[in-house]
Amino acid sequence: MMECLKDPEVLKFTGSSGVFDWDAIVEWYNTRNSQTDRLELAIVDKNNNITVGEVVLNEYNEDKHSMNFKILIGPRGRNRGLGTETTKLIIDYIF
């Protein structure tokens, strides 16, 4: 994920500055499994056994039947169909 978070394209589309407290980021990712109001999953390139991004579902609103969907793919995961595959898998999981 560090490579993804440093990527100029990711920075551009997320509005991030690229200046990070890396210890805080590691700590933040280490708390993802304990979150009860969101689902955050790594996108893994199985052929190379590397994390290339993340998919997040959050801000669920039961009354409006809506939620936020975010997908972030770093440079080693782009243009290979991983975003399409991830989106299909998460839709199948939700519905």
C-alpha atoms as a PDB file:
ATOM      1  CA  MET A   1       0.000   0.000   0.000  1.00  0.00           C
ATOM      2  CA  MET A   2       2.921   2.357   0.568  1.00  0.00           C
ATOM      3  CA  GLU A   3       3.713   2.244  -3.156  1.00  0.00           C
ATOM      4  CA  CYS A   4       0.065   3.003  -3.932  1.00  0.00           C
ATOM      5  CA  LEU A   5      -0.067   5.922  -1.522  1.00  0.00           C
ATOM      6  CA  LYS A   6       3.042   7.497  -3.105  1.00  0.00           C
ATOM      7  CA  ASP A   7       1.742   7.157  -6.666  1.00  0.00           C
ATOM      8  CA  PRO A   8       1.138  10.517  -8.437  1.00  0.00           C
ATOM      9  CA  GLU A   9      -2.106   9.286 -10.013  1.00  0.00           C
ATOM     10  CA  VAL A  10      -3.473   8.093  -6.663  1.00  0.00           C
ATOM     11  CA  LEU A  11      -2.463  11.419  -5.089  1.00  0.00           C
ATOM     12  CA  LYS A  12      -4.189  13.324  -7.880  1.00  0.00           C
ATOM     13  CA  PHE A  13      -7.506  11.484  -7.634  1.00  0.00           C
ATOM     14  CA  THR A  14      -7.626  11.248  -3.839  1.00  0.00           C
ATOM     15  CA  GLY A  15      -6.558  14.833  -3.237  1.00  0.00           C
ATOM     16  CA  SER A  16      -3.746  13.692  -0.958  1.00  0.00           C
ATOM     17  CA  SER A  17      -0.589  15.701  -0.518  1.00  0.00           C
ATOM     18  CA  GLY A  18       1.756  12.717  -0.526  1.00  0.00           C
ATOM     19  CA  VAL A  19       3.185  13.727   2.839  1.00  0.00           C
ATOM     20  CA  PHE A  20       2.422  10.928   5.266  1.00  0.00           C
ATOM     21  CA  ASP A  21       3.314   9.841   8.757  1.00  0.00           C
ATOM     22  CA  TRP A  22       4.224   6.284   7.746  1.00  0.00           C
ATOM     23  CA  ASP A  23       4.034   4.932  11.297  1.00  0.00           C
ATOM     24  CA  ALA A  24       0.496   6.314  11.594  1.00  0.00           C
ATOM     25  CA  ILE A  25      -0.484   4.729   8.273  1.00  0.00           C
ATOM     26  CA  VAL A  26       0.836   1.326   9.342  1.00  0.00           C
ATOM     27  CA  GLU A  27      -1.041   1.646  12.629  1.00  0.00           C
ATOM     28  CA  TRP A  28      -4.228   2.704  10.770  1.00  0.00           C
ATOM     29  CA  TYR A  29      -4.090  -0.299   8.422  1.00  0.00           C
ATOM     30  CA  ASN A  30      -3.500  -2.581  11.391  1.00  0.00           C
ATOM     31  CA  THR A  31      -6.874  -1.482  12.835  1.00  0.00           C
ATOM     32  CA  ARG A  32      -8.962  -2.208   9.722  1.00  0.00           C
ATOM     33  CA  ASN A  33     -10.156  -5.646  10.824  1.00  0.00           C
ATOM     34  CA  SER A  34     -11.610  -4.258  14.045  1.00  0.00           C
ATOM     35  CA  GLN A  35     -13.846  -1.682  12.319  1.00  0.00           C
ATOM     36  CA  THR A  36     -17.555  -2.481  12.515  1.00  0.00           C
ATOM     37  CA  ASP A  37     -18.918   0.367  10.364  1.00  0.00           C
ATOM     38  CA  ARG A  38     -16.963  -0.372   7.194  1.00  0.00           C
ATOM     39  CA  LEU A  39     -15.441  -3.118   5.107  1.00  0.00           C
ATOM     40  CA  GLU A  40     -11.913  -2.586   3.824  1.00  0.00           C
ATOM     41  CA  LEU A  41     -10.215  -5.259   1.782  1.00  0.00           C
ATOM     42  CA  ALA A  42      -6.864  -5.464   0.059  1.00  0.00           C
ATOM     43  CA  ILE A  43      -6.714  -6.020  -3.681  1.00  0.00           C
ATOM     44  CA  VAL A  44      -4.054  -8.657  -4.228  1.00  0.00           C
ATOM     45  CA  ASP A  45      -2.406  -9.640  -7.494  1.00  0.00           C
ATOM     46  CA  LYS A  46      -2.420 -13.428  -7.005  1.00  0.00           C
ATOM     47  CA  ASN A  47       0.109 -14.006  -9.800  1.00  0.00           C
ATOM     48  CA  ASN A  48       2.770 -11.918  -8.070  1.00  0.00           C
ATOM     49  CA  ASN A  49       1.478 -12.154  -4.473  1.00  0.00           C
ATOM     50  CA  ILE A  50       1.496  -8.371  -3.980  1.00  0.00           C
ATOM     51  CA  THR A  51      -1.071  -5.910  -2.687  1.00  0.00           C
ATOM     52  CA  VAL A  52      -1.943  -3.503  -5.490  1.00  0.00           C
ATOM     53  CA  GLY A  53      -4.784  -1.548  -3.893  1.00  0.00           C
ATOM     54  CA  GLU A  54      -7.845  -1.549  -1.699  1.00  0.00           C
ATOM     55  CA  VAL A  55     -11.615  -1.579  -1.890  1.00  0.00           C
ATOM     56  CA  VAL A  56     -13.744   0.096   0.775  1.00  0.00           C
ATOM     57  CA  LEU A  57     -17.444   0.034   1.609  1.00  0.00           C
ATOM     58  CA  ASN A  58     -18.583   2.526   4.229  1.00  0.00           C
ATOM     59  CA  GLU A  59     -21.197   5.137   5.113  1.00  0.00           C
ATOM     60  CA  TYR A  60     -23.977   2.562   4.920  1.00  0.00           C
ATOM     61  CA  ASN A  61     -27.434   4.114   5.247  1.00  0.00           C
ATOM     62  CA  GLU A  62     -30.090   1.491   5.889  1.00  0.00           C
ATOM     63  CA  ASP A  63     -32.998   3.920   5.383  1.00  0.00           C
ATOM     64  CA  LYS A  64     -31.757   5.072   1.977  1.00  0.00           C
ATOM     65  CA  HIS A  65     -30.330   1.686   0.996  1.00  0.00           C
ATOM     66  CA  SER A  66     -27.052   3.335   0.067  1.00  0.00           C
ATOM     67  CA  MET A  67     -23.357   3.185   0.838  1.00  0.00           C
ATOM     68  CA  ASN A  68     -20.051   4.570  -0.301  1.00  0.00           C
ATOM     69  CA  PHE A  69     -17.820   2.462  -2.574  1.00  0.00           C
ATOM     70  CA  LYS A  70     -14.135   3.300  -3.049  1.00  0.00           C
ATOM     71  CA  ILE A  71     -11.519   1.489  -5.053  1.00  0.00           C
ATOM     72  CA  LEU A  72      -7.855   2.445  -5.187  1.00  0.00           C
ATOM     73  CA  ILE A  73      -5.392   0.666  -7.459  1.00  0.00           C
ATOM     74  CA  GLY A  74      -1.707   1.473  -7.541  1.00  0.00           C
ATOM     75  CA  PRO A  75       0.606   1.414 -10.552  1.00  0.00           C
ATOM     76  CA  ARG A  76       1.394  -2.326 -10.538  1.00  0.00           C
ATOM     77  CA  GLY A  77      -2.306  -3.219 -10.598  1.00  0.00           C
ATOM     78  CA  ARG A  78      -3.581  -0.959 -13.349  1.00  0.00           C
ATOM     79  CA  ASN A  79      -4.736  -1.858 -16.849  1.00  0.00           C
ATOM     80  CA  ARG A  80      -4.970  -5.547 -16.027  1.00  0.00           C
ATOM     81  CA  GLY A  81      -8.676  -5.946 -15.227  1.00  0.00           C
ATOM     82  CA  LEU A  82      -8.155  -6.084 -11.463  1.00  0.00           C
ATOM     83  CA  GLY A  83     -10.500  -3.135 -10.861  1.00  0.00           C
ATOM     84  CA  THR A  84     -13.244  -4.789 -12.907  1.00  0.00           C
ATOM     85  CA  GLU A  85     -12.700  -8.106 -11.153  1.00  0.00           C
ATOM     86  CA  THR A  86     -12.694  -6.439  -7.724  1.00  0.00           C
ATOM     87  CA  THR A  87     -15.881  -4.515  -8.465  1.00  0.00           C
ATOM     88  CA  LYS A  88     -17.683  -7.664  -9.652  1.00  0.00           C
ATOM     89  CA  LEU A  89     -16.543  -9.615  -6.576  1.00  0.00           C
ATOM     90  CA  ILE A  90     -17.630  -6.912  -4.119  1.00  0.00           C
ATOM     91  CA  ILE A  91     -21.033  -6.541  -5.826  1.00  0.00           C
ATOM     92  CA  ASP A  92     -21.532 -10.317  -5.632  1.00  0.00           C
ATOM     93  CA  TYR A  93     -20.545 -10.212  -1.949  1.00  0.00           C
ATOM     94  CA  ILE A  94     -22.956  -7.381  -1.119  1.00  0.00           C
ATOM     95  CA  PHE A  95     -25.968  -8.623  -3.032  1.00  0.00           C
END
